[in-house]
Amino acid sequence: MSEVDPRLLEMLVCPLTKTRLVYNKEAQELVSDVAGLAYPIRQGIPIMLVDEARRLEADPAPNRQPVASDH
């Protein structure tokens, strides 16, 4: 499993809602709670395409950490 550059994670937002993402390290996903989507991270590269995102269930996933942002 490739690590994602933390500086990259800080810059990314949901392409649909333009809101902050939450990094789920265990699932290797960037989660948009507003859109109800989880964008996959493959080989350390976030796939920020709505068509590639997974729809979230009603309950939030465990082990998610907010992506740090100084904006």
PDB file of N, CA and C in Angstrom:
ATOM      1  N   MET A   1       0.852  -1.181   0.000  1.00  0.00           N
ATOM      2  CA  MET A   1       0.000   0.000   0.000  1.00  0.00           C
ATOM      3  C   MET A   1       0.896   1.241   0.000  1.00  0.00           C
ATOM      4  N   SER A   2       0.687   2.102  -0.955  1.00  0.00           N
ATOM      5  CA  SER A   2       1.482   3.318  -1.075  1.00  0.00           C
ATOM      6  C   SER A   2       0.930   4.405  -0.172  1.00  0.00           C
ATOM      7  N   GLU A   3       1.819   5.189   0.396  1.00  0.00           N
ATOM      8  CA  GLU A   3       1.409   6.324   1.229  1.00  0.00           C
ATOM      9  C   GLU A   3       1.059   7.507   0.345  1.00  0.00           C
ATOM     10  N   VAL A   4       0.094   8.285   0.801  1.00  0.00           N
ATOM     11  CA  VAL A   4      -0.320   9.491   0.093  1.00  0.00           C
ATOM     12  C   VAL A   4       0.404  10.675   0.722  1.00  0.00           C
ATOM     13  N   ASP A   5       0.892  11.570  -0.104  1.00  0.00           N
ATOM     14  CA  ASP A   5       1.580  12.760   0.370  1.00  0.00           C
ATOM     15  C   ASP A   5       0.601  13.618   1.177  1.00  0.00           C
ATOM     16  N   PRO A   6       0.869  13.868   2.461  1.00  0.00           N
ATOM     17  CA  PRO A   6      -0.044  14.656   3.292  1.00  0.00           C
ATOM     18  C   PRO A   6      -0.297  16.060   2.749  1.00  0.00           C
ATOM     19  N   ARG A   7       0.683  16.643   2.071  1.00  0.00           N
ATOM     20  CA  ARG A   7       0.485  17.981   1.484  1.00  0.00           C
ATOM     21  C   ARG A   7      -0.560  17.944   0.371  1.00  0.00           C
ATOM     22  N   LEU A   8      -0.578  16.854  -0.375  1.00  0.00           N
ATOM     23  CA  LEU A   8      -1.583  16.679  -1.424  1.00  0.00           C
ATOM     24  C   LEU A   8      -2.968  16.566  -0.806  1.00  0.00           C
ATOM     25  N   LEU A   9      -3.086  15.794   0.266  1.00  0.00           N
ATOM     26  CA  LEU A   9      -4.379  15.609   0.922  1.00  0.00           C
ATOM     27  C   LEU A   9      -4.952  16.930   1.436  1.00  0.00           C
ATOM     28  N   GLU A  10      -4.083  17.805   1.891  1.00  0.00           N
ATOM     29  CA  GLU A  10      -4.537  19.101   2.405  1.00  0.00           C
ATOM     30  C   GLU A  10      -5.141  19.978   1.315  1.00  0.00           C
ATOM     31  N   MET A  11      -4.729  19.780   0.071  1.00  0.00           N
ATOM     32  CA  MET A  11      -5.194  20.624  -1.030  1.00  0.00           C
ATOM     33  C   MET A  11      -6.476  20.118  -1.684  1.00  0.00           C
ATOM     34  N   LEU A  12      -6.757  18.833  -1.537  1.00  0.00           N
ATOM     35  CA  LEU A  12      -7.886  18.248  -2.243  1.00  0.00           C
ATOM     36  C   LEU A  12      -9.224  18.567  -1.590  1.00  0.00           C
ATOM     37  N   VAL A  13     -10.228  18.780  -2.410  1.00  0.00           N
ATOM     38  CA  VAL A  13     -11.614  18.935  -1.959  1.00  0.00           C
ATOM     39  C   VAL A  13     -12.484  18.045  -2.831  1.00  0.00           C
ATOM     40  N   CYS A  14     -13.704  17.821  -2.403  1.00  0.00           N
ATOM     41  CA  CYS A  14     -14.650  17.025  -3.169  1.00  0.00           C
ATOM     42  C   CYS A  14     -14.913  17.740  -4.505  1.00  0.00           C
ATOM     43  N   PRO A  15     -14.757  17.049  -5.627  1.00  0.00           N
ATOM     44  CA  PRO A  15     -14.991  17.698  -6.911  1.00  0.00           C
ATOM     45  C   PRO A  15     -16.467  18.040  -7.149  1.00  0.00           C
ATOM     46  N   LEU A  16     -17.358  17.391  -6.437  1.00  0.00           N
ATOM     47  CA  LEU A  16     -18.783  17.637  -6.592  1.00  0.00           C
ATOM     48  C   LEU A  16     -19.258  18.812  -5.750  1.00  0.00           C
ATOM     49  N   THR A  17     -18.846  18.840  -4.471  1.00  0.00           N
ATOM     50  CA  THR A  17     -19.360  19.848  -3.534  1.00  0.00           C
ATOM     51  C   THR A  17     -18.337  20.914  -3.158  1.00  0.00           C
ATOM     52  N   LYS A  18     -17.071  20.686  -3.499  1.00  0.00           N
ATOM     53  CA  LYS A  18     -15.961  21.603  -3.148  1.00  0.00           C
ATOM     54  C   LYS A  18     -15.779  21.734  -1.632  1.00  0.00           C
ATOM     55  N   THR A  19     -16.174  20.705  -0.894  1.00  0.00           N
ATOM     56  CA  THR A  19     -16.034  20.697   0.568  1.00  0.00           C
ATOM     57  C   THR A  19     -14.865  19.816   0.986  1.00  0.00           C
ATOM     58  N   ARG A  20     -14.492  19.970   2.238  1.00  0.00           N
ATOM     59  CA  ARG A  20     -13.363  19.257   2.837  1.00  0.00           C
ATOM     60  C   ARG A  20     -13.588  17.741   2.809  1.00  0.00           C
ATOM     61  N   LEU A  21     -12.500  17.024   2.661  1.00  0.00           N
ATOM     62  CA  LEU A  21     -12.532  15.565   2.652  1.00  0.00           C
ATOM     63  C   LEU A  21     -11.956  15.010   3.949  1.00  0.00           C
ATOM     64  N   VAL A  22     -12.340  13.779   4.260  1.00  0.00           N
ATOM     65  CA  VAL A  22     -11.826  13.080   5.430  1.00  0.00           C
ATOM     66  C   VAL A  22     -11.056  11.861   4.930  1.00  0.00           C
ATOM     67  N   TYR A  23      -9.833  11.712   5.394  1.00  0.00           N
ATOM     68  CA  TYR A  23      -8.975  10.598   4.972  1.00  0.00           C
ATOM     69  C   TYR A  23      -9.270   9.361   5.815  1.00  0.00           C
ATOM     70  N   ASN A  24      -9.665   8.278   5.149  1.00  0.00           N
ATOM     71  CA  ASN A  24      -9.847   6.985   5.801  1.00  0.00           C
ATOM     72  C   ASN A  24      -8.647   6.135   5.401  1.00  0.00           C
ATOM     73  N   LYS A  25      -7.633   6.115   6.266  1.00  0.00           N
ATOM     74  CA  LYS A  25      -6.377   5.436   5.956  1.00  0.00           C
ATOM     75  C   LYS A  25      -6.584   3.932   5.784  1.00  0.00           C
ATOM     76  N   GLU A  26      -7.381   3.338   6.649  1.00  0.00           N
ATOM     77  CA  GLU A  26      -7.619   1.894   6.603  1.00  0.00           C
ATOM     78  C   GLU A  26      -8.249   1.461   5.271  1.00  0.00           C
ATOM     79  N   ALA A  27      -9.250   2.215   4.817  1.00  0.00           N
ATOM     80  CA  ALA A  27      -9.951   1.885   3.571  1.00  0.00           C
ATOM     81  C   ALA A  27      -9.278   2.500   2.348  1.00  0.00           C
ATOM     82  N   GLN A  28      -8.271   3.364   2.567  1.00  0.00           N
ATOM     83  CA  GLN A  28      -7.593   4.083   1.485  1.00  0.00           C
ATOM     84  C   GLN A  28      -8.613   4.826   0.621  1.00  0.00           C
ATOM     85  N   GLU A  29      -9.365   5.722   1.307  1.00  0.00           N
ATOM     86  CA  GLU A  29     -10.383   6.531   0.655  1.00  0.00           C
ATOM     87  C   GLU A  29     -10.353   7.956   1.194  1.00  0.00           C
ATOM     88  N   LEU A  30     -10.804   8.886   0.378  1.00  0.00           N
ATOM     89  CA  LEU A  30     -11.067  10.252   0.805  1.00  0.00           C
ATOM     90  C   LEU A  30     -12.582  10.406   0.795  1.00  0.00           C
ATOM     91  N   VAL A  31     -13.140  10.740   1.949  1.00  0.00           N
ATOM     92  CA  VAL A  31     -14.582  10.734   2.131  1.00  0.00           C
ATOM     93  C   VAL A  31     -15.145  12.148   2.143  1.00  0.00           C
ATOM     94  N   SER A  32     -16.203  12.332   1.366  1.00  0.00           N
ATOM     95  CA  SER A  32     -16.964  13.573   1.383  1.00  0.00           C
ATOM     96  C   SER A  32     -18.296  13.267   2.062  1.00  0.00           C
ATOM     97  N   ASP A  33     -18.415  13.693   3.322  1.00  0.00           N
ATOM     98  CA  ASP A  33     -19.661  13.468   4.048  1.00  0.00           C
ATOM     99  C   ASP A  33     -20.808  14.254   3.427  1.00  0.00           C
ATOM    100  N   VAL A  34     -20.522  15.431   2.885  1.00  0.00           N
ATOM    101  CA  VAL A  34     -21.555  16.276   2.280  1.00  0.00           C
ATOM    102  C   VAL A  34     -22.142  15.592   1.044  1.00  0.00           C
ATOM    103  N   ALA A  35     -21.287  15.047   0.192  1.00  0.00           N
ATOM    104  CA  ALA A  35     -21.745  14.381  -1.032  1.00  0.00           C
ATOM    105  C   ALA A  35     -22.166  12.939  -0.788  1.00  0.00           C
ATOM    106  N   GLY A  36     -21.730  12.372   0.351  1.00  0.00           N
ATOM    107  CA  GLY A  36     -22.023  10.965   0.618  1.00  0.00           C
ATOM    108  C   GLY A  36     -21.241  10.028  -0.284  1.00  0.00           C
ATOM    109  N   LEU A  37     -19.994  10.431  -0.597  1.00  0.00           N
ATOM    110  CA  LEU A  37     -19.146   9.664  -1.499  1.00  0.00           C
ATOM    111  C   LEU A  37     -17.768   9.424  -0.885  1.00  0.00           C
ATOM    112  N   ALA A  38     -17.160   8.314  -1.279  1.00  0.00           N
ATOM    113  CA  ALA A  38     -15.790   7.997  -0.871  1.00  0.00           C
ATOM    114  C   ALA A  38     -14.968   7.789  -2.131  1.00  0.00           C
ATOM    115  N   TYR A  39     -13.935   8.624  -2.300  1.00  0.00           N
ATOM    116  CA  TYR A  39     -13.071   8.557  -3.468  1.00  0.00           C
ATOM    117  C   TYR A  39     -11.909   7.620  -3.162  1.00  0.00           C
ATOM    118  N   PRO A  40     -11.652   6.636  -4.025  1.00  0.00           N
ATOM    119  CA  PRO A  40     -10.582   5.670  -3.750  1.00  0.00           C
ATOM    120  C   PRO A  40      -9.197   6.271  -3.920  1.00  0.00           C
ATOM    121  N   ILE A  41      -8.256   5.682  -3.208  1.00  0.00           N
ATOM    122  CA  ILE A  41      -6.837   6.011  -3.368  1.00  0.00           C
ATOM    123  C   ILE A  41      -6.185   4.731  -3.877  1.00  0.00           C
ATOM    124  N   ARG A  42      -5.619   4.789  -5.069  1.00  0.00           N
ATOM    125  CA  ARG A  42      -5.005   3.604  -5.678  1.00  0.00           C
ATOM    126  C   ARG A  42      -3.526   3.853  -5.891  1.00  0.00           C
ATOM    127  N   GLN A  43      -2.715   2.989  -5.311  1.00  0.00           N
ATOM    128  CA  GLN A  43      -1.258   3.089  -5.406  1.00  0.00           C
ATOM    129  C   GLN A  43      -0.769   4.478  -5.013  1.00  0.00           C
ATOM    130  N   GLY A  44      -1.408   5.043  -3.974  1.00  0.00           N
ATOM    131  CA  GLY A  44      -1.006   6.339  -3.449  1.00  0.00           C
ATOM    132  C   GLY A  44      -1.562   7.533  -4.199  1.00  0.00           C
ATOM    133  N   ILE A  45      -2.422   7.292  -5.197  1.00  0.00           N
ATOM    134  CA  ILE A  45      -2.979   8.376  -6.009  1.00  0.00           C
ATOM    135  C   ILE A  45      -4.479   8.479  -5.773  1.00  0.00           C
ATOM    136  N   PRO A  46      -4.962   9.625  -5.254  1.00  0.00           N
ATOM    137  CA  PRO A  46      -6.403   9.819  -5.080  1.00  0.00           C
ATOM    138  C   PRO A  46      -7.095   9.900  -6.447  1.00  0.00           C
ATOM    139  N   ILE A  47      -8.149   9.133  -6.605  1.00  0.00           N
ATOM    140  CA  ILE A  47      -8.940   9.126  -7.840  1.00  0.00           C
ATOM    141  C   ILE A  47     -10.156  10.020  -7.589  1.00  0.00           C
ATOM    142  N   MET A  48     -10.068  11.253  -8.041  1.00  0.00           N
ATOM    143  CA  MET A  48     -11.073  12.268  -7.715  1.00  0.00           C
ATOM    144  C   MET A  48     -12.146  12.398  -8.805  1.00  0.00           C
ATOM    145  N   LEU A  49     -12.672  11.270  -9.224  1.00  0.00           N
ATOM    146  CA  LEU A  49     -13.733  11.228 -10.221  1.00  0.00           C
ATOM    147  C   LEU A  49     -15.019  10.742  -9.566  1.00  0.00           C
ATOM    148  N   VAL A  50     -16.099  11.482  -9.740  1.00  0.00           N
ATOM    149  CA  VAL A  50     -17.389  11.112  -9.129  1.00  0.00           C
ATOM    150  C   VAL A  50     -17.801   9.722  -9.599  1.00  0.00           C
ATOM    151  N   ASP A  51     -17.548   9.396 -10.863  1.00  0.00           N
ATOM    152  CA  ASP A  51     -17.924   8.079 -11.401  1.00  0.00           C
ATOM    153  C   ASP A  51     -17.158   6.933 -10.748  1.00  0.00           C
ATOM    154  N   GLU A  52     -16.004   7.217 -10.168  1.00  0.00           N
ATOM    155  CA  GLU A  52     -15.195   6.189  -9.503  1.00  0.00           C
ATOM    156  C   GLU A  52     -15.479   6.109  -8.000  1.00  0.00           C
ATOM    157  N   ALA A  53     -16.218   7.062  -7.463  1.00  0.00           N
ATOM    158  CA  ALA A  53     -16.469   7.126  -6.018  1.00  0.00           C
ATOM    159  C   ALA A  53     -17.501   6.086  -5.590  1.00  0.00           C
ATOM    160  N   ARG A  54     -17.371   5.676  -4.335  1.00  0.00           N
ATOM    161  CA  ARG A  54     -18.301   4.731  -3.714  1.00  0.00           C
ATOM    162  C   ARG A  54     -19.327   5.521  -2.910  1.00  0.00           C
ATOM    163  N   ARG A  55     -20.604   5.146  -3.046  1.00  0.00           N
ATOM    164  CA  ARG A  55     -21.652   5.777  -2.237  1.00  0.00           C
ATOM    165  C   ARG A  55     -21.528   5.298  -0.797  1.00  0.00           C
ATOM    166  N   LEU A  56     -21.693   6.221   0.151  1.00  0.00           N
ATOM    167  CA  LEU A  56     -21.586   5.886   1.574  1.00  0.00           C
ATOM    168  C   LEU A  56     -22.903   5.374   2.112  1.00  0.00           C
ATOM    169  N   GLU A  57     -22.789   4.504   3.104  1.00  0.00           N
ATOM    170  CA  GLU A  57     -23.958   4.067   3.856  1.00  0.00           C
ATOM    171  C   GLU A  57     -24.344   5.182   4.819  1.00  0.00           C
ATOM    172  N   ALA A  58     -25.464   5.022   5.511  1.00  0.00           N
ATOM    173  CA  ALA A  58     -25.936   6.048   6.440  1.00  0.00           C
ATOM    174  C   ALA A  58     -24.987   6.249   7.620  1.00  0.00           C
ATOM    175  N   ASP A  59     -24.345   5.176   8.093  1.00  0.00           N
ATOM    176  CA  ASP A  59     -23.450   5.267   9.250  1.00  0.00           C
ATOM    177  C   ASP A  59     -22.047   5.649   8.793  1.00  0.00           C
ATOM    178  N   PRO A  60     -21.404   6.611   9.494  1.00  0.00           N
ATOM    179  CA  PRO A  60     -20.041   6.989   9.122  1.00  0.00           C
ATOM    180  C   PRO A  60     -19.069   5.839   9.355  1.00  0.00           C
ATOM    181  N   ALA A  61     -18.063   5.754   8.501  1.00  0.00           N
ATOM    182  CA  ALA A  61     -17.049   4.696   8.619  1.00  0.00           C
ATOM    183  C   ALA A  61     -16.128   4.977   9.800  1.00  0.00           C
ATOM    184  N   PRO A  62     -15.647   3.934  10.471  1.00  0.00           N
ATOM    185  CA  PRO A  62     -14.694   4.122  11.566  1.00  0.00           C
ATOM    186  C   PRO A  62     -13.312   4.471  11.037  1.00  0.00           C
ATOM    187  N   ASN A  63     -12.454   4.936  11.929  1.00  0.00           N
ATOM    188  CA  ASN A  63     -11.040   5.199  11.640  1.00  0.00           C
ATOM    189  C   ASN A  63     -10.814   6.288  10.600  1.00  0.00           C
ATOM    190  N   ARG A  64     -11.675   7.267  10.533  1.00  0.00           N
ATOM    191  CA  ARG A  64     -11.468   8.360   9.601  1.00  0.00           C
ATOM    192  C   ARG A  64     -10.883   9.536  10.341  1.00  0.00           C
ATOM    193  N   GLN A  65      -9.974  10.227   9.676  1.00  0.00           N
ATOM    194  CA  GLN A  65      -9.330  11.390  10.262  1.00  0.00           C
ATOM    195  C   GLN A  65      -9.542  12.572   9.349  1.00  0.00           C
ATOM    196  N   PRO A  66      -9.918  13.731   9.891  1.00  0.00           N
ATOM    197  CA  PRO A  66     -10.032  14.920   9.042  1.00  0.00           C
ATOM    198  C   PRO A  66      -8.682  15.247   8.420  1.00  0.00           C
ATOM    199  N   VAL A  67      -8.711  15.685   7.199  1.00  0.00           N
ATOM    200  CA  VAL A  67      -7.493  16.131   6.526  1.00  0.00           C
ATOM    201  C   VAL A  67      -7.153  17.501   7.068  1.00  0.00           C
ATOM    202  N   ALA A  68      -5.919  17.658   7.533  1.00  0.00           N
ATOM    203  CA  ALA A  68      -5.497  18.939   8.112  1.00  0.00           C
ATOM    204  C   ALA A  68      -5.556  20.041   7.064  1.00  0.00           C
ATOM    205  N   SER A  69      -5.978  21.185   7.491  1.00  0.00           N
ATOM    206  CA  SER A  69      -6.046  22.311   6.565  1.00  0.00           C
ATOM    207  C   SER A  69      -5.792  23.591   7.340  1.00  0.00           C
ATOM    208  N   ASP A  70      -5.074  24.495   6.722  1.00  0.00           N
ATOM    209  CA  ASP A  70      -4.817  25.764   7.396  1.00  0.00           C
ATOM    210  C   ASP A  70      -5.511  26.890   6.635  1.00  0.00           C
ATOM    211  N   HIS A  71      -6.610  26.571   5.925  1.00  0.00           N
ATOM    212  CA  HIS A  71      -7.387  27.570   5.182  1.00  0.00           C
ATOM    213  C   HIS A  71      -8.486  28.131   6.030  1.00  0.00           C
TER     214      HIS A  71
END
